[in-house]
PDB file of N, CA and C in Angstrom:
ATOM      1  N   MET A   1     138.939 146.975  62.724  1.00  0.00           N
ATOM      2  CA  MET A   1     138.787 146.645  64.117  1.00  0.00           C
ATOM      3  C   MET A   1     137.647 145.632  64.275  1.00  0.00           C
ATOM      4  N   GLU A   2     137.906 144.529  64.903  1.00  0.00           N
ATOM      5  CA  GLU A   2     136.918 143.470  65.102  1.00  0.00           C
ATOM      6  C   GLU A   2     136.123 143.731  66.375  1.00  0.00           C
ATOM      7  N   PRO A   3     134.830 143.378  66.344  1.00  0.00           N
ATOM      8  CA  PRO A   3     134.033 143.570  67.549  1.00  0.00           C
ATOM      9  C   PRO A   3     134.494 142.617  68.649  1.00  0.00           C
ATOM     10  N   GLY A   4     134.442 143.107  69.866  1.00  0.00           N
ATOM     11  CA  GLY A   4     134.862 142.298  70.993  1.00  0.00           C
ATOM     12  C   GLY A   4     133.769 141.353  71.439  1.00  0.00           C
ATOM     13  N   PRO A   5     134.087 140.432  72.353  1.00  0.00           N
ATOM     14  CA  PRO A   5     133.093 139.461  72.805  1.00  0.00           C
ATOM     15  C   PRO A   5     131.926 140.111  73.548  1.00  0.00           C
ATOM     16  N   VAL A   6     132.158 141.256  74.195  1.00  0.00           N
ATOM     17  CA  VAL A   6     131.077 141.943  74.904  1.00  0.00           C
ATOM     18  C   VAL A   6     130.081 142.497  73.896  1.00  0.00           C
ATOM     19  N   ARG A   7     130.569 143.086  72.812  1.00  0.00           N
ATOM     20  CA  ARG A   7     129.693 143.653  71.771  1.00  0.00           C
ATOM     21  C   ARG A   7     128.906 142.548  71.090  1.00  0.00           C
ATOM     22  N   GLN A   8     129.523 141.417  70.814  1.00  0.00           N
ATOM     23  CA  GLN A   8     128.822 140.297  70.170  1.00  0.00           C
ATOM     24  C   GLN A   8     127.718 139.761  71.094  1.00  0.00           C
ATOM     25  N   THR A   9     128.001 139.683  72.369  1.00  0.00           N
ATOM     26  CA  THR A   9     127.014 139.212  73.332  1.00  0.00           C
ATOM     27  C   THR A   9     125.827 140.168  73.403  1.00  0.00           C
ATOM     28  N   THR A  10     126.097 141.469  73.380  1.00  0.00           N
ATOM     29  CA  THR A  10     125.033 142.471  73.418  1.00  0.00           C
ATOM     30  C   THR A  10     124.143 142.362  72.183  1.00  0.00           C
ATOM     31  N   VAL A  11     124.741 142.193  71.031  1.00  0.00           N
ATOM     32  CA  VAL A  11     123.985 142.069  69.783  1.00  0.00           C
ATOM     33  C   VAL A  11     123.131 140.804  69.817  1.00  0.00           C
ATOM     34  N   LEU A  12     123.686 139.701  70.282  1.00  0.00           N
ATOM     35  CA  LEU A  12     122.928 138.450  70.349  1.00  0.00           C
ATOM     36  C   LEU A  12     121.775 138.543  71.350  1.00  0.00           C
ATOM     37  N   LEU A  13     121.996 139.207  72.487  1.00  0.00           N
ATOM     38  CA  LEU A  13     120.922 139.382  73.461  1.00  0.00           C
ATOM     39  C   LEU A  13     119.797 140.254  72.904  1.00  0.00           C
ATOM     40  N   ARG A  14     120.157 141.289  72.189  1.00  0.00           N
ATOM     41  CA  ARG A  14     119.125 142.133  71.568  1.00  0.00           C
ATOM     42  C   ARG A  14     118.335 141.352  70.528  1.00  0.00           C
ATOM     43  N   LEU A  15     119.032 140.550  69.741  1.00  0.00           N
ATOM     44  CA  LEU A  15     118.360 139.731  68.735  1.00  0.00           C
ATOM     45  C   LEU A  15     117.428 138.723  69.406  1.00  0.00           C
ATOM     46  N   LEU A  16     117.901 138.082  70.464  1.00  0.00           N
ATOM     47  CA  LEU A  16     117.063 137.130  71.199  1.00  0.00           C
ATOM     48  C   LEU A  16     115.843 137.822  71.798  1.00  0.00           C
ATOM     49  N   LEU A  17     116.013 138.991  72.370  1.00  0.00           N
ATOM     50  CA  LEU A  17     114.903 139.757  72.927  1.00  0.00           C
ATOM     51  C   LEU A  17     113.887 140.118  71.846  1.00  0.00           C
ATOM     52  N   PHE A  18     114.370 140.534  70.689  1.00  0.00           N
ATOM     53  CA  PHE A  18     113.485 140.874  69.574  1.00  0.00           C
ATOM     54  C   PHE A  18     112.668 139.656  69.139  1.00  0.00           C
ATOM     55  N   VAL A  19     113.306 138.492  69.051  1.00  0.00           N
ATOM     56  CA  VAL A  19     112.611 137.271  68.632  1.00  0.00           C
ATOM     57  C   VAL A  19     111.547 136.884  69.663  1.00  0.00           C
ATOM     58  N   VAL A  20     111.851 136.979  70.937  1.00  0.00           N
ATOM     59  CA  VAL A  20     110.888 136.634  71.988  1.00  0.00           C
ATOM     60  C   VAL A  20     109.687 137.582  71.961  1.00  0.00           C
ATOM     61  N   VAL A  21     109.936 138.876  71.835  1.00  0.00           N
ATOM     62  CA  VAL A  21     108.842 139.852  71.780  1.00  0.00           C
ATOM     63  C   VAL A  21     107.991 139.616  70.532  1.00  0.00           C
ATOM     64  N   ALA A  22     108.617 139.339  69.394  1.00  0.00           N
ATOM     65  CA  ALA A  22     107.870 139.072  68.158  1.00  0.00           C
ATOM     66  C   ALA A  22     107.006 137.822  68.319  1.00  0.00           C
ATOM     67  N   TRP A  23     107.552 136.789  68.956  1.00  0.00           N
ATOM     68  CA  TRP A  23     106.785 135.556  69.163  1.00  0.00           C
ATOM     69  C   TRP A  23     105.570 135.816  70.056  1.00  0.00           C
ATOM     70  N   ILE A  24     105.734 136.595  71.108  1.00  0.00           N
ATOM     71  CA  ILE A  24     104.619 136.922  72.011  1.00  0.00           C
ATOM     72  C   ILE A  24     103.538 137.697  71.269  1.00  0.00           C
ATOM     73  N   VAL A  25     103.933 138.674  70.471  1.00  0.00           N
ATOM     74  CA  VAL A  25     102.963 139.471  69.717  1.00  0.00           C
ATOM     75  C   VAL A  25     102.212 138.602  68.714  1.00  0.00           C
ATOM     76  N   ILE A  26     102.913 137.753  67.992  1.00  0.00           N
ATOM     77  CA  ILE A  26     102.272 136.888  66.993  1.00  0.00           C
ATOM     78  C   ILE A  26     101.314 135.910  67.668  1.00  0.00           C
ATOM     79  N   THR A  27     101.706 135.321  68.781  1.00  0.00           N
ATOM     80  CA  THR A  27     100.838 134.384  69.507  1.00  0.00           C
ATOM     81  C   THR A  27      99.575 135.089  70.019  1.00  0.00           C
ATOM     82  N   ALA A  28      99.722 136.282  70.546  1.00  0.00           N
ATOM     83  CA  ALA A  28      98.562 137.033  71.037  1.00  0.00           C
ATOM     84  C   ALA A  28      97.619 137.401  69.888  1.00  0.00           C
ATOM     85  N   MET A  29      98.169 137.805  68.767  1.00  0.00           N
ATOM     86  CA  MET A  29      97.326 138.159  67.610  1.00  0.00           C
ATOM     87  C   MET A  29      96.579 136.936  67.082  1.00  0.00           C
ATOM     88  N   ARG A  30      97.242 135.786  67.030  1.00  0.00           N
ATOM     89  CA  ARG A  30      96.578 134.565  66.574  1.00  0.00           C
ATOM     90  C   ARG A  30      95.416 134.208  67.490  1.00  0.00           C
ATOM     91  N   ALA A  31      95.642 134.263  68.797  1.00  0.00           N
ATOM     92  CA  ALA A  31      94.583 133.938  69.756  1.00  0.00           C
ATOM     93  C   ALA A  31      93.406 134.895  69.603  1.00  0.00           C
ATOM     94  N   TYR A  32      93.684 136.165  69.426  1.00  0.00           N
ATOM     95  CA  TYR A  32      92.630 137.164  69.250  1.00  0.00           C
ATOM     96  C   TYR A  32      91.839 136.889  67.980  1.00  0.00           C
ATOM     97  N   LEU A  33      92.536 136.613  66.875  1.00  0.00           N
ATOM     98  CA  LEU A  33      91.855 136.390  65.599  1.00  0.00           C
ATOM     99  C   LEU A  33      91.038 135.102  65.612  1.00  0.00           C
ATOM    100  N   VAL A  34      91.538 134.055  66.246  1.00  0.00           N
ATOM    101  CA  VAL A  34      90.783 132.804  66.323  1.00  0.00           C
ATOM    102  C   VAL A  34      89.516 133.003  67.147  1.00  0.00           C
ATOM    103  N   ALA A  35      89.619 133.690  68.267  1.00  0.00           N
ATOM    104  CA  ALA A  35      88.442 133.937  69.107  1.00  0.00           C
ATOM    105  C   ALA A  35      87.432 134.813  68.376  1.00  0.00           C
ATOM    106  N   ARG A  36      87.901 135.806  67.687  1.00  0.00           N
ATOM    107  CA  ARG A  36      87.010 136.700  66.955  1.00  0.00           C
ATOM    108  C   ARG A  36      86.325 135.970  65.809  1.00  0.00           C
ATOM    109  N   LYS A  37      87.074 135.140  65.103  1.00  0.00           N
ATOM    110  CA  LYS A  37      86.526 134.405  63.972  1.00  0.00           C
ATOM    111  C   LYS A  37      85.471 133.400  64.429  1.00  0.00           C
ATOM    112  N   SER A  38      85.715 132.703  65.528  1.00  0.00           N
ATOM    113  CA  SER A  38      84.753 131.703  65.991  1.00  0.00           C
ATOM    114  C   SER A  38      83.482 132.352  66.525  1.00  0.00           C
ATOM    115  N   SER A  39      83.562 133.539  67.141  1.00  0.00           N
ATOM    116  CA  SER A  39      82.354 134.177  67.657  1.00  0.00           C
ATOM    117  C   SER A  39      81.531 134.803  66.543  1.00  0.00           C
ATOM    118  N   THR A  40      82.142 135.193  65.432  1.00  0.00           N
ATOM    119  CA  THR A  40      81.365 135.724  64.311  1.00  0.00           C
ATOM    120  C   THR A  40      80.775 134.599  63.480  1.00  0.00           C
ATOM    121  N   ARG A  41      81.390 133.442  63.518  1.00  0.00           N
ATOM    122  CA  ARG A  41      80.880 132.308  62.765  1.00  0.00           C
ATOM    123  C   ARG A  41      79.600 131.765  63.396  1.00  0.00           C
ATOM    124  N   ASN A  42      79.556 131.703  64.715  1.00  0.00           N
ATOM    125  CA  ASN A  42      78.394 131.196  65.426  1.00  0.00           C
ATOM    126  C   ASN A  42      77.915 132.271  66.405  1.00  0.00           C
ATOM    127  N   PRO A  43      76.910 133.065  66.026  1.00  0.00           N
ATOM    128  CA  PRO A  43      76.476 134.164  66.893  1.00  0.00           C
ATOM    129  C   PRO A  43      75.923 133.711  68.233  1.00  0.00           C
ATOM    130  N   ASN A  44      75.505 132.452  68.371  1.00  0.00           N
ATOM    131  CA  ASN A  44      74.982 131.972  69.651  1.00  0.00           C
ATOM    132  C   ASN A  44      76.060 131.890  70.722  1.00  0.00           C
ATOM    133  N   LEU A  45      77.337 131.800  70.312  1.00  0.00           N
ATOM    134  CA  LEU A  45      78.416 131.733  71.297  1.00  0.00           C
ATOM    135  C   LEU A  45      78.571 133.055  72.038  1.00  0.00           C
ATOM    136  N   ALA A  46      78.256 134.153  71.381  1.00  0.00           N
ATOM    137  CA  ALA A  46      78.437 135.465  71.994  1.00  0.00           C
ATOM    138  C   ALA A  46      77.273 135.830  72.910  1.00  0.00           C
ATOM    139  N   LYS A  47      76.128 135.196  72.736  1.00  0.00           N
ATOM    140  CA  LYS A  47      74.952 135.537  73.524  1.00  0.00           C
ATOM    141  C   LYS A  47      74.877 134.662  74.777  1.00  0.00           C
ATOM    142  N   PRO A  48      74.528 135.254  75.899  1.00  0.00           N
ATOM    143  CA  PRO A  48      74.314 134.416  77.083  1.00  0.00           C
ATOM    144  C   PRO A  48      73.053 133.580  76.902  1.00  0.00           C
ATOM    145  N   ARG A  49      73.113 132.359  77.345  1.00  0.00           N
ATOM    146  CA  ARG A  49      71.965 131.477  77.186  1.00  0.00           C
ATOM    147  C   ARG A  49      71.274 131.303  78.519  1.00  0.00           C
ATOM    148  N   GLY A  50      69.941 131.389  78.494  1.00  0.00           N
ATOM    149  CA  GLY A  50      69.161 131.212  79.706  1.00  0.00           C
ATOM    150  C   GLY A  50      68.246 130.023  79.559  1.00  0.00           C
ATOM    151  N   GLU A  51      67.454 129.822  80.563  1.00  0.00           N
ATOM    152  CA  GLU A  51      66.522 128.704  80.566  1.00  0.00           C
ATOM    153  C   GLU A  51      65.170 129.162  80.024  1.00  0.00           C
ATOM    154  N   GLU A  52      64.461 128.262  79.384  1.00  0.00           N
ATOM    155  CA  GLU A  52      63.138 128.570  78.851  1.00  0.00           C
ATOM    156  C   GLU A  52      62.165 128.816  79.999  1.00  0.00           C
ATOM    157  N   MET A  53      61.355 129.857  79.860  1.00  0.00           N
ATOM    158  CA  MET A  53      60.343 130.187  80.858  1.00  0.00           C
ATOM    159  C   MET A  53      58.976 129.781  80.316  1.00  0.00           C
ATOM    160  N   VAL A  54      58.106 129.297  81.214  1.00  0.00           N
ATOM    161  CA  VAL A  54      56.757 128.884  80.827  1.00  0.00           C
ATOM    162  C   VAL A  54      55.740 129.669  81.654  1.00  0.00           C
ATOM    163  N   LEU A  55      54.579 129.891  81.054  1.00  0.00           N
ATOM    164  CA  LEU A  55      53.528 130.688  81.687  1.00  0.00           C
ATOM    165  C   LEU A  55      52.565 129.794  82.456  1.00  0.00           C
ATOM    166  N   ASP A  56      52.327 130.161  83.700  1.00  0.00           N
ATOM    167  CA  ASP A  56      51.326 129.489  84.537  1.00  0.00           C
ATOM    168  C   ASP A  56      49.969 130.087  84.146  1.00  0.00           C
ATOM    169  N   PRO A  57      49.024 129.275  83.634  1.00  0.00           N
ATOM    170  CA  PRO A  57      47.741 129.825  83.201  1.00  0.00           C
ATOM    171  C   PRO A  57      46.863 130.320  84.351  1.00  0.00           C
ATOM    172  N   GLN A  58      47.113 129.879  85.558  1.00  0.00           N
ATOM    173  CA  GLN A  58      46.299 130.293  86.699  1.00  0.00           C
ATOM    174  C   GLN A  58      46.699 131.674  87.212  1.00  0.00           C
ATOM    175  N   CYS A  59      47.948 131.833  87.577  1.00  0.00           N
ATOM    176  CA  CYS A  59      48.377 133.104  88.185  1.00  0.00           C
ATOM    177  C   CYS A  59      49.118 134.017  87.207  1.00  0.00           C
ATOM    178  N   GLN A  60      49.283 133.574  85.964  1.00  0.00           N
ATOM    179  CA  GLN A  60      49.902 134.384  84.902  1.00  0.00           C
ATOM    180  C   GLN A  60      51.353 134.767  85.222  1.00  0.00           C
ATOM    181  N   SER A  61      52.058 133.922  85.957  1.00  0.00           N
ATOM    182  CA  SER A  61      53.473 134.191  86.236  1.00  0.00           C
ATOM    183  C   SER A  61      54.335 133.255  85.384  1.00  0.00           C
ATOM    184  N   TYR A  62      55.539 133.708  85.095  1.00  0.00           N
ATOM    185  CA  TYR A  62      56.486 132.896  84.347  1.00  0.00           C
ATOM    186  C   TYR A  62      57.396 132.154  85.312  1.00  0.00           C
ATOM    187  N   VAL A  63      57.632 130.893  84.999  1.00  0.00           N
ATOM    188  CA  VAL A  63      58.431 130.015  85.851  1.00  0.00           C
ATOM    189  C   VAL A  63      59.467 129.315  84.971  1.00  0.00           C
ATOM    190  N   PRO A  64      60.693 129.096  85.471  1.00  0.00           N
ATOM    191  CA  PRO A  64      61.648 128.296  84.698  1.00  0.00           C
ATOM    192  C   PRO A  64      61.065 126.904  84.440  1.00  0.00           C
ATOM    193  N   LYS A  65      61.230 126.428  83.225  1.00  0.00           N
ATOM    194  CA  LYS A  65      60.628 125.151  82.839  1.00  0.00           C
ATOM    195  C   LYS A  65      61.088 124.009  83.738  1.00  0.00           C
ATOM    196  N   SER A  66      62.331 124.067  84.208  1.00  0.00           N
ATOM    197  CA  SER A  66      62.843 122.984  85.059  1.00  0.00           C
ATOM    198  C   SER A  66      62.184 122.964  86.435  1.00  0.00           C
ATOM    199  N   GLU A  67      61.604 124.076  86.869  1.00  0.00           N
ATOM    200  CA  GLU A  67      60.952 124.156  88.183  1.00  0.00           C
ATOM    201  C   GLU A  67      59.432 124.040  88.095  1.00  0.00           C
ATOM    202  N   ALA A  68      58.873 124.117  86.900  1.00  0.00           N
ATOM    203  CA  ALA A  68      57.418 124.108  86.724  1.00  0.00           C
ATOM    204  C   ALA A  68      56.867 122.688  86.850  1.00  0.00           C
ATOM    205  N   LEU A  69      55.592 122.613  87.218  1.00  0.00           N
ATOM    206  CA  LEU A  69      54.873 121.343  87.320  1.00  0.00           C
ATOM    207  C   LEU A  69      54.020 121.173  86.065  1.00  0.00           C
ATOM    208  N   LEU A  70      54.152 120.046  85.396  1.00  0.00           N
ATOM    209  CA  LEU A  70      53.390 119.776  84.182  1.00  0.00           C
ATOM    210  C   LEU A  70      52.171 118.929  84.547  1.00  0.00           C
ATOM    211  N   ARG A  71      50.989 119.500  84.302  1.00  0.00           N
ATOM    212  CA  ARG A  71      49.739 118.797  84.588  1.00  0.00           C
ATOM    213  C   ARG A  71      48.794 118.995  83.403  1.00  0.00           C
ATOM    214  N   LYS A  72      48.390 117.888  82.763  1.00  0.00           N
ATOM    215  CA  LYS A  72      47.441 117.903  81.641  1.00  0.00           C
ATOM    216  C   LYS A  72      47.813 118.912  80.559  1.00  0.00           C
ATOM    217  N   GLY A  73      49.084 118.950  80.211  1.00  0.00           N
ATOM    218  CA  GLY A  73      49.542 119.792  79.106  1.00  0.00           C
ATOM    219  C   GLY A  73      49.873 121.228  79.465  1.00  0.00           C
ATOM    220  N   ASN A  74      49.663 121.641  80.706  1.00  0.00           N
ATOM    221  CA  ASN A  74      49.974 123.000  81.146  1.00  0.00           C
ATOM    222  C   ASN A  74      51.061 122.971  82.208  1.00  0.00           C
ATOM    223  N   TYR A  75      51.798 124.054  82.277  1.00  0.00           N
ATOM    224  CA  TYR A  75      52.828 124.215  83.291  1.00  0.00           C
ATOM    225  C   TYR A  75      52.304 125.125  84.403  1.00  0.00           C
ATOM    226  N   TYR A  76      52.597 124.742  85.652  1.00  0.00           N
ATOM    227  CA  TYR A  76      52.144 125.515  86.804  1.00  0.00           C
ATOM    228  C   TYR A  76      53.318 125.808  87.729  1.00  0.00           C
ATOM    229  N   CYS A  77      53.180 126.910  88.500  1.00  0.00           N
ATOM    230  CA  CYS A  77      54.240 127.293  89.425  1.00  0.00           C
ATOM    231  C   CYS A  77      54.155 126.506  90.729  1.00  0.00           C
ATOM    232  N   SER A  78      52.966 126.002  91.056  1.00  0.00           N
ATOM    233  CA  SER A  78      52.807 125.258  92.313  1.00  0.00           C
ATOM    234  C   SER A  78      51.628 124.298  92.196  1.00  0.00           C
ATOM    235  N   GLU A  79      51.554 123.389  93.156  1.00  0.00           N
ATOM    236  CA  GLU A  79      50.420 122.454  93.211  1.00  0.00           C
ATOM    237  C   GLU A  79      49.111 123.223  93.435  1.00  0.00           C
ATOM    238  N   LYS A  80      49.174 124.294  94.220  1.00  0.00           N
ATOM    239  CA  LYS A  80      47.982 125.098  94.506  1.00  0.00           C
ATOM    240  C   LYS A  80      47.402 125.681  93.219  1.00  0.00           C
ATOM    241  N   CYS A  81      48.266 126.282  92.379  1.00  0.00           N
ATOM    242  CA  CYS A  81      47.783 126.857  91.117  1.00  0.00           C
ATOM    243  C   CYS A  81      47.251 125.774  90.191  1.00  0.00           C
ATOM    244  N   ALA A  82      47.897 124.615  90.168  1.00  0.00           N
ATOM    245  CA  ALA A  82      47.435 123.522  89.319  1.00  0.00           C
ATOM    246  C   ALA A  82      46.050 123.061  89.758  1.00  0.00           C
ATOM    247  N   ALA A  83      45.875 122.891  91.064  1.00  0.00           N
ATOM    248  CA  ALA A  83      44.584 122.435  91.578  1.00  0.00           C
ATOM    249  C   ALA A  83      43.485 123.452  91.285  1.00  0.00           C
ATOM    250  N   LEU A  84      43.774 124.735  91.511  1.00  0.00           N
ATOM    251  CA  LEU A  84      42.767 125.798  91.252  1.00  0.00           C
ATOM    252  C   LEU A  84      42.376 125.829  89.786  1.00  0.00           C
ATOM    253  N   HIS A  85      43.337 125.715  88.898  1.00  0.00           N
ATOM    254  CA  HIS A  85      43.051 125.815  87.463  1.00  0.00           C
ATOM    255  C   HIS A  85      42.337 124.576  86.947  1.00  0.00           C
ATOM    256  N   LEU A  86      42.726 123.418  87.436  1.00  0.00           N
ATOM    257  CA  LEU A  86      42.122 122.170  86.933  1.00  0.00           C
ATOM    258  C   LEU A  86      40.716 121.941  87.476  1.00  0.00           C
ATOM    259  N   THR A  87      40.404 122.467  88.657  1.00  0.00           N
ATOM    260  CA  THR A  87      39.050 122.290  89.217  1.00  0.00           C
ATOM    261  C   THR A  87      38.108 123.414  88.815  1.00  0.00           C
ATOM    262  N   GLY A  88      38.665 124.521  88.395  1.00  0.00           N
ATOM    263  CA  GLY A  88      37.816 125.676  88.118  1.00  0.00           C
ATOM    264  C   GLY A  88      37.577 125.866  86.712  1.00  0.00           C
TER     265      GLY A  88
END
């Protein structure tokens, strides 16, 4: 007894479904392994990066370097602290 066209269609659809699911699983595993491999290769990628902080010698507070005022080799949080430290 030969299989009918309905049975052949069902078998082909199952095969196509299996291939699509296998492709999705393989693609997801590759993406996971590539991401994992790159983060273990360079540990700085996994760590959040912040801005360097500098100490104001007058008031002893830390300020982001991009916001600090540089006067005579020291970083200050404000013009007031710079003036107090440089005159005193």
